[in-house]
Amino acid sequence: PIPAFNSEVSRLKVTYSAAAPAEAPRELVLKVSLKKDWATRAGAVEVSFYKQARERDLPMIAHCYLAYQDSETGRSVLLLADLGATHEAPVTRRALIDGHGVPTPARLKAALDALPYFHHAWRGRASLRTGLPEAFWLQGPTAFGRFADACRKELNTFRRTVGDHVTDADWAACE
């Protein structure tokens, strides 16, 4: 098991018969959504995303072998390549819980370097986004107001946590 707040996640070690291809994955991650309404909705979005991501060349996304949502229970299942041997989380779960959620400069740079490739794979392809929800903050002024309030709250929490490490000019840009 891998600790997660939104799903049941496990690492799997797989063995095959001698007839299996040598490149068959030996380590996988199994992710099953929780039995909660919000987790079912989030799982549906995740399944849709991974199904559509398979059609793109997205090396920054773990390979997905299975993306499925059960029509009766609504629970979703993902079977992903386990990148644990070659990758590590930019920020550990423990660091996030402890209020230290900013990745190192090198990891931030790597994420920013990957971002344009990710956006390019989806840009102008509305048909590929079927099943992915529209950003809730685009659903009218009231929704945007709630989103802006949530962002301000998060920014204030962040400022209380690491405020002395950020320059006044950077705070002004954030605000």
C-alpha atoms as a PDB file:
ATOM      1  CA  PRO A   1       0.000   0.000   0.000  1.00  0.00           C
ATOM      2  CA  ILE A   2       0.979   3.622  -0.670  1.00  0.00           C
ATOM      3  CA  PRO A   3      -0.535   6.311   1.575  1.00  0.00           C
ATOM      4  CA  ALA A   4      -3.085   8.399  -0.342  1.00  0.00           C
ATOM      5  CA  PHE A   5      -5.999  10.580   0.719  1.00  0.00           C
ATOM      6  CA  ASN A   6      -8.189  10.117  -2.330  1.00  0.00           C
ATOM      7  CA  SER A   7      -7.865   6.453  -3.318  1.00  0.00           C
ATOM      8  CA  GLU A   8      -6.535   3.043  -2.422  1.00  0.00           C
ATOM      9  CA  VAL A   9      -3.084   2.810  -3.994  1.00  0.00           C
ATOM     10  CA  SER A  10      -0.798  -0.219  -4.046  1.00  0.00           C
ATOM     11  CA  ARG A  11       2.502  -1.119  -5.644  1.00  0.00           C
ATOM     12  CA  LEU A  12       2.437  -4.448  -7.450  1.00  0.00           C
ATOM     13  CA  LYS A  13       5.377  -6.682  -8.318  1.00  0.00           C
ATOM     14  CA  VAL A  14       4.430  -8.863 -11.274  1.00  0.00           C
ATOM     15  CA  THR A  15       5.902 -12.172 -12.409  1.00  0.00           C
ATOM     16  CA  TYR A  16       5.205 -13.758 -15.767  1.00  0.00           C
ATOM     17  CA  SER A  17       5.563 -17.080 -17.479  1.00  0.00           C
ATOM     18  CA  ALA A  18       8.689 -17.695 -19.540  1.00  0.00           C
ATOM     19  CA  ALA A  19       6.660 -16.963 -22.697  1.00  0.00           C
ATOM     20  CA  ALA A  20       5.974 -13.348 -21.679  1.00  0.00           C
ATOM     21  CA  PRO A  21       7.819 -10.580 -23.549  1.00  0.00           C
ATOM     22  CA  ALA A  22      10.978  -9.388 -21.803  1.00  0.00           C
ATOM     23  CA  GLU A  23       9.709  -5.797 -21.871  1.00  0.00           C
ATOM     24  CA  ALA A  24       6.509  -6.634 -19.942  1.00  0.00           C
ATOM     25  CA  PRO A  25       6.331  -4.359 -16.884  1.00  0.00           C
ATOM     26  CA  ARG A  26       7.519  -5.889 -13.626  1.00  0.00           C
ATOM     27  CA  GLU A  27       6.352  -3.110 -11.306  1.00  0.00           C
ATOM     28  CA  LEU A  28       2.944  -1.431 -11.470  1.00  0.00           C
ATOM     29  CA  VAL A  29       0.821   0.927  -9.420  1.00  0.00           C
ATOM     30  CA  LEU A  30      -2.839   0.050  -8.860  1.00  0.00           C
ATOM     31  CA  LYS A  31      -5.123   2.953  -7.948  1.00  0.00           C
ATOM     32  CA  VAL A  32      -8.774   2.359  -7.001  1.00  0.00           C
ATOM     33  CA  SER A  33     -11.059   5.275  -6.124  1.00  0.00           C
ATOM     34  CA  LEU A  34     -12.617   5.423  -2.683  1.00  0.00           C
ATOM     35  CA  LYS A  35     -16.323   4.677  -2.148  1.00  0.00           C
ATOM     36  CA  LYS A  36     -17.215   8.356  -1.782  1.00  0.00           C
ATOM     37  CA  ASP A  37     -19.165  10.562  -4.200  1.00  0.00           C
ATOM     38  CA  TRP A  38     -16.335  13.088  -4.599  1.00  0.00           C
ATOM     39  CA  ALA A  39     -13.821  10.277  -5.176  1.00  0.00           C
ATOM     40  CA  THR A  40     -16.088   8.711  -7.806  1.00  0.00           C
ATOM     41  CA  ARG A  41     -16.313  12.038  -9.652  1.00  0.00           C
ATOM     42  CA  ALA A  42     -12.562  12.602  -9.413  1.00  0.00           C
ATOM     43  CA  GLY A  43     -11.916   9.037 -10.563  1.00  0.00           C
ATOM     44  CA  ALA A  44     -14.116   9.542 -13.639  1.00  0.00           C
ATOM     45  CA  VAL A  45     -12.072  12.579 -14.610  1.00  0.00           C
ATOM     46  CA  GLU A  46      -8.830  10.687 -14.059  1.00  0.00           C
ATOM     47  CA  VAL A  47      -9.983   7.724 -16.166  1.00  0.00           C
ATOM     48  CA  SER A  48     -11.026  10.082 -18.969  1.00  0.00           C
ATOM     49  CA  PHE A  49      -7.688  11.883 -18.764  1.00  0.00           C
ATOM     50  CA  TYR A  50      -5.583   8.713 -18.959  1.00  0.00           C
ATOM     51  CA  LYS A  51      -7.645   7.291 -21.827  1.00  0.00           C
ATOM     52  CA  GLN A  52      -7.103  10.481 -23.793  1.00  0.00           C
ATOM     53  CA  ALA A  53      -3.461  10.871 -22.756  1.00  0.00           C
ATOM     54  CA  ARG A  54      -2.745   7.453 -24.304  1.00  0.00           C
ATOM     55  CA  GLU A  55      -3.472   9.026 -27.697  1.00  0.00           C
ATOM     56  CA  ARG A  56      -0.790  11.691 -27.198  1.00  0.00           C
ATOM     57  CA  ASP A  57       2.959  11.412 -26.928  1.00  0.00           C
ATOM     58  CA  LEU A  58       3.293  12.510 -23.298  1.00  0.00           C
ATOM     59  CA  PRO A  59       6.544  11.201 -21.825  1.00  0.00           C
ATOM     60  CA  MET A  60       5.938  13.180 -18.628  1.00  0.00           C
ATOM     61  CA  ILE A  61       2.913  10.980 -17.790  1.00  0.00           C
ATOM     62  CA  ALA A  62       3.323   7.469 -16.375  1.00  0.00           C
ATOM     63  CA  HIS A  63       2.232   4.840 -18.900  1.00  0.00           C
ATOM     64  CA  CYS A  64      -1.336   3.699 -18.208  1.00  0.00           C
ATOM     65  CA  TYR A  65      -2.149   0.054 -18.884  1.00  0.00           C
ATOM     66  CA  LEU A  66      -5.765   0.250 -17.701  1.00  0.00           C
ATOM     67  CA  ALA A  67      -8.170   3.140 -17.134  1.00  0.00           C
ATOM     68  CA  TYR A  68     -11.605   1.859 -16.210  1.00  0.00           C
ATOM     69  CA  GLN A  69     -14.719   3.041 -14.384  1.00  0.00           C
ATOM     70  CA  ASP A  70     -17.301   0.518 -13.254  1.00  0.00           C
ATOM     71  CA  SER A  71     -20.722   1.557 -14.549  1.00  0.00           C
ATOM     72  CA  GLU A  72     -22.550   0.097 -11.528  1.00  0.00           C
ATOM     73  CA  THR A  73     -20.429   1.295  -8.589  1.00  0.00           C
ATOM     74  CA  GLY A  74     -18.799   4.311 -10.238  1.00  0.00           C
ATOM     75  CA  ARG A  75     -15.438   3.288  -8.785  1.00  0.00           C
ATOM     76  CA  SER A  76     -12.478   3.785 -11.041  1.00  0.00           C
ATOM     77  CA  VAL A  77      -9.357   1.686 -11.499  1.00  0.00           C
ATOM     78  CA  LEU A  78      -6.022   2.762 -12.931  1.00  0.00           C
ATOM     79  CA  LEU A  79      -3.078   0.470 -13.578  1.00  0.00           C
ATOM     80  CA  LEU A  80       0.021   2.558 -14.164  1.00  0.00           C
ATOM     81  CA  ALA A  81       3.711   2.006 -14.701  1.00  0.00           C
ATOM     82  CA  ASP A  82       5.499   2.252 -11.365  1.00  0.00           C
ATOM     83  CA  LEU A  83       8.142   4.936 -11.764  1.00  0.00           C
ATOM     84  CA  GLY A  84       9.359   4.548  -8.174  1.00  0.00           C
ATOM     85  CA  ALA A  85      12.682   3.009  -9.216  1.00  0.00           C
ATOM     86  CA  THR A  86      13.594   5.872 -11.548  1.00  0.00           C
ATOM     87  CA  HIS A  87      11.597   8.848 -10.239  1.00  0.00           C
ATOM     88  CA  GLU A  88      10.754  10.395  -6.922  1.00  0.00           C
ATOM     89  CA  ALA A  89       7.977  12.698  -5.880  1.00  0.00           C
ATOM     90  CA  PRO A  90       8.896  16.374  -6.253  1.00  0.00           C
ATOM     91  CA  VAL A  91       7.487  16.833  -2.759  1.00  0.00           C
ATOM     92  CA  THR A  92       6.787  14.008  -0.364  1.00  0.00           C
ATOM     93  CA  ARG A  93       3.381  13.587   1.255  1.00  0.00           C
ATOM     94  CA  ARG A  94       4.992  14.149   4.660  1.00  0.00           C
ATOM     95  CA  ALA A  95       6.523  17.445   3.486  1.00  0.00           C
ATOM     96  CA  LEU A  96       3.111  18.598   2.227  1.00  0.00           C
ATOM     97  CA  ILE A  97       1.454  17.732   5.535  1.00  0.00           C
ATOM     98  CA  ASP A  98       4.227  19.591   7.377  1.00  0.00           C
ATOM     99  CA  GLY A  99       3.609  22.706   5.250  1.00  0.00           C
ATOM    100  CA  HIS A 100       6.723  22.366   3.108  1.00  0.00           C
ATOM    101  CA  GLY A 101       5.121  21.978  -0.288  1.00  0.00           C
ATOM    102  CA  VAL A 102       7.523  23.858  -2.550  1.00  0.00           C
ATOM    103  CA  PRO A 103       9.762  21.584  -4.642  1.00  0.00           C
ATOM    104  CA  THR A 104      13.474  22.303  -4.947  1.00  0.00           C
ATOM    105  CA  PRO A 105      14.521  24.799  -7.663  1.00  0.00           C
ATOM    106  CA  ALA A 106      15.814  21.944  -9.847  1.00  0.00           C
ATOM    107  CA  ARG A 107      12.472  20.109  -9.634  1.00  0.00           C
ATOM    108  CA  LEU A 108      10.519  23.292 -10.308  1.00  0.00           C
ATOM    109  CA  LYS A 109      12.647  23.891 -13.412  1.00  0.00           C
ATOM    110  CA  ALA A 110      12.070  20.326 -14.628  1.00  0.00           C
ATOM    111  CA  ALA A 111       8.302  20.729 -14.178  1.00  0.00           C
ATOM    112  CA  LEU A 112       8.319  24.053 -16.001  1.00  0.00           C
ATOM    113  CA  ASP A 113      10.380  22.537 -18.818  1.00  0.00           C
ATOM    114  CA  ALA A 114       7.800  19.728 -19.246  1.00  0.00           C
ATOM    115  CA  LEU A 115       4.742  21.965 -19.053  1.00  0.00           C
ATOM    116  CA  PRO A 116       4.857  23.409 -22.615  1.00  0.00           C
ATOM    117  CA  TYR A 117       5.053  19.901 -24.107  1.00  0.00           C
ATOM    118  CA  PHE A 118       2.057  18.827 -22.057  1.00  0.00           C
ATOM    119  CA  HIS A 119       0.029  21.880 -23.115  1.00  0.00           C
ATOM    120  CA  HIS A 120       1.026  21.481 -26.765  1.00  0.00           C
ATOM    121  CA  ALA A 121      -0.309  17.902 -26.795  1.00  0.00           C
ATOM    122  CA  TRP A 122      -3.789  19.201 -25.866  1.00  0.00           C
ATOM    123  CA  ARG A 123      -3.849  22.662 -27.426  1.00  0.00           C
ATOM    124  CA  GLY A 124      -6.597  23.159 -29.985  1.00  0.00           C
ATOM    125  CA  ARG A 125      -7.901  19.624 -29.539  1.00  0.00           C
ATOM    126  CA  ALA A 126     -11.228  20.169 -27.787  1.00  0.00           C
ATOM    127  CA  SER A 127     -12.494  16.796 -29.019  1.00  0.00           C
ATOM    128  CA  LEU A 128      -9.773  15.091 -26.991  1.00  0.00           C
ATOM    129  CA  ARG A 129     -11.031  16.671 -23.794  1.00  0.00           C
ATOM    130  CA  THR A 130     -14.381  14.870 -23.873  1.00  0.00           C
ATOM    131  CA  GLY A 131     -15.321  13.816 -20.374  1.00  0.00           C
ATOM    132  CA  LEU A 132     -12.891  16.208 -18.716  1.00  0.00           C
ATOM    133  CA  PRO A 133     -14.766  18.833 -16.750  1.00  0.00           C
ATOM    134  CA  GLU A 134     -14.633  22.476 -17.611  1.00  0.00           C
ATOM    135  CA  ALA A 135     -12.675  24.383 -15.012  1.00  0.00           C
ATOM    136  CA  PHE A 136     -15.258  25.349 -12.402  1.00  0.00           C
ATOM    137  CA  TRP A 137     -13.933  28.900 -12.201  1.00  0.00           C
ATOM    138  CA  LEU A 138     -15.026  29.427 -15.810  1.00  0.00           C
ATOM    139  CA  GLN A 139     -18.653  28.652 -14.963  1.00  0.00           C
ATOM    140  CA  GLY A 140     -19.767  32.211 -14.227  1.00  0.00           C
ATOM    141  CA  PRO A 141     -18.855  35.102 -11.944  1.00  0.00           C
ATOM    142  CA  THR A 142     -20.075  33.453  -8.726  1.00  0.00           C
ATOM    143  CA  ALA A 143     -17.939  30.356  -9.325  1.00  0.00           C
ATOM    144  CA  PHE A 144     -14.961  32.531 -10.190  1.00  0.00           C
ATOM    145  CA  GLY A 145     -15.477  34.541  -6.984  1.00  0.00           C
ATOM    146  CA  ARG A 146     -15.411  31.339  -4.920  1.00  0.00           C
ATOM    147  CA  PHE A 147     -12.284  30.229  -6.777  1.00  0.00           C
ATOM    148  CA  ALA A 148     -10.560  33.594  -6.209  1.00  0.00           C
ATOM    149  CA  ASP A 149     -11.456  33.458  -2.493  1.00  0.00           C
ATOM    150  CA  ALA A 150     -10.010  29.947  -2.225  1.00  0.00           C
ATOM    151  CA  CYS A 151      -6.823  31.113  -3.980  1.00  0.00           C
ATOM    152  CA  ARG A 152      -6.478  34.047  -1.565  1.00  0.00           C
ATOM    153  CA  LYS A 153      -6.936  31.702   1.394  1.00  0.00           C
ATOM    154  CA  GLU A 154      -4.273  29.311   0.049  1.00  0.00           C
ATOM    155  CA  LEU A 155      -1.900  32.197  -0.637  1.00  0.00           C
ATOM    156  CA  ASN A 156      -2.379  33.528   2.909  1.00  0.00           C
ATOM    157  CA  THR A 157      -1.716  30.074   4.369  1.00  0.00           C
ATOM    158  CA  PHE A 158       1.392  29.775   2.214  1.00  0.00           C
ATOM    159  CA  ARG A 159       2.527  33.250   3.285  1.00  0.00           C
ATOM    160  CA  ARG A 160       2.148  32.348   6.978  1.00  0.00           C
ATOM    161  CA  THR A 161       4.146  29.167   6.376  1.00  0.00           C
ATOM    162  CA  VAL A 162       7.069  30.505   4.309  1.00  0.00           C
ATOM    163  CA  GLY A 163       6.546  34.258   4.179  1.00  0.00           C
ATOM    164  CA  ASP A 164       9.999  35.134   5.445  1.00  0.00           C
ATOM    165  CA  HIS A 165      11.606  33.265   2.530  1.00  0.00           C
ATOM    166  CA  VAL A 166       9.824  35.233  -0.217  1.00  0.00           C
ATOM    167  CA  THR A 167      10.734  38.776  -1.242  1.00  0.00           C
ATOM    168  CA  ASP A 168       8.243  41.633  -1.092  1.00  0.00           C
ATOM    169  CA  ALA A 169       8.471  41.956  -4.887  1.00  0.00           C
ATOM    170  CA  ASP A 170       7.499  38.294  -5.328  1.00  0.00           C
ATOM    171  CA  TRP A 171       4.569  38.722  -2.912  1.00  0.00           C
ATOM    172  CA  ALA A 172       3.414  41.738  -4.889  1.00  0.00           C
ATOM    173  CA  ALA A 173       3.504  39.665  -8.101  1.00  0.00           C
ATOM    174  CA  CYS A 174       1.474  36.889  -6.433  1.00  0.00           C
ATOM    175  CA  GLU A 175      -1.130  39.300  -5.142  1.00  0.00           C
END
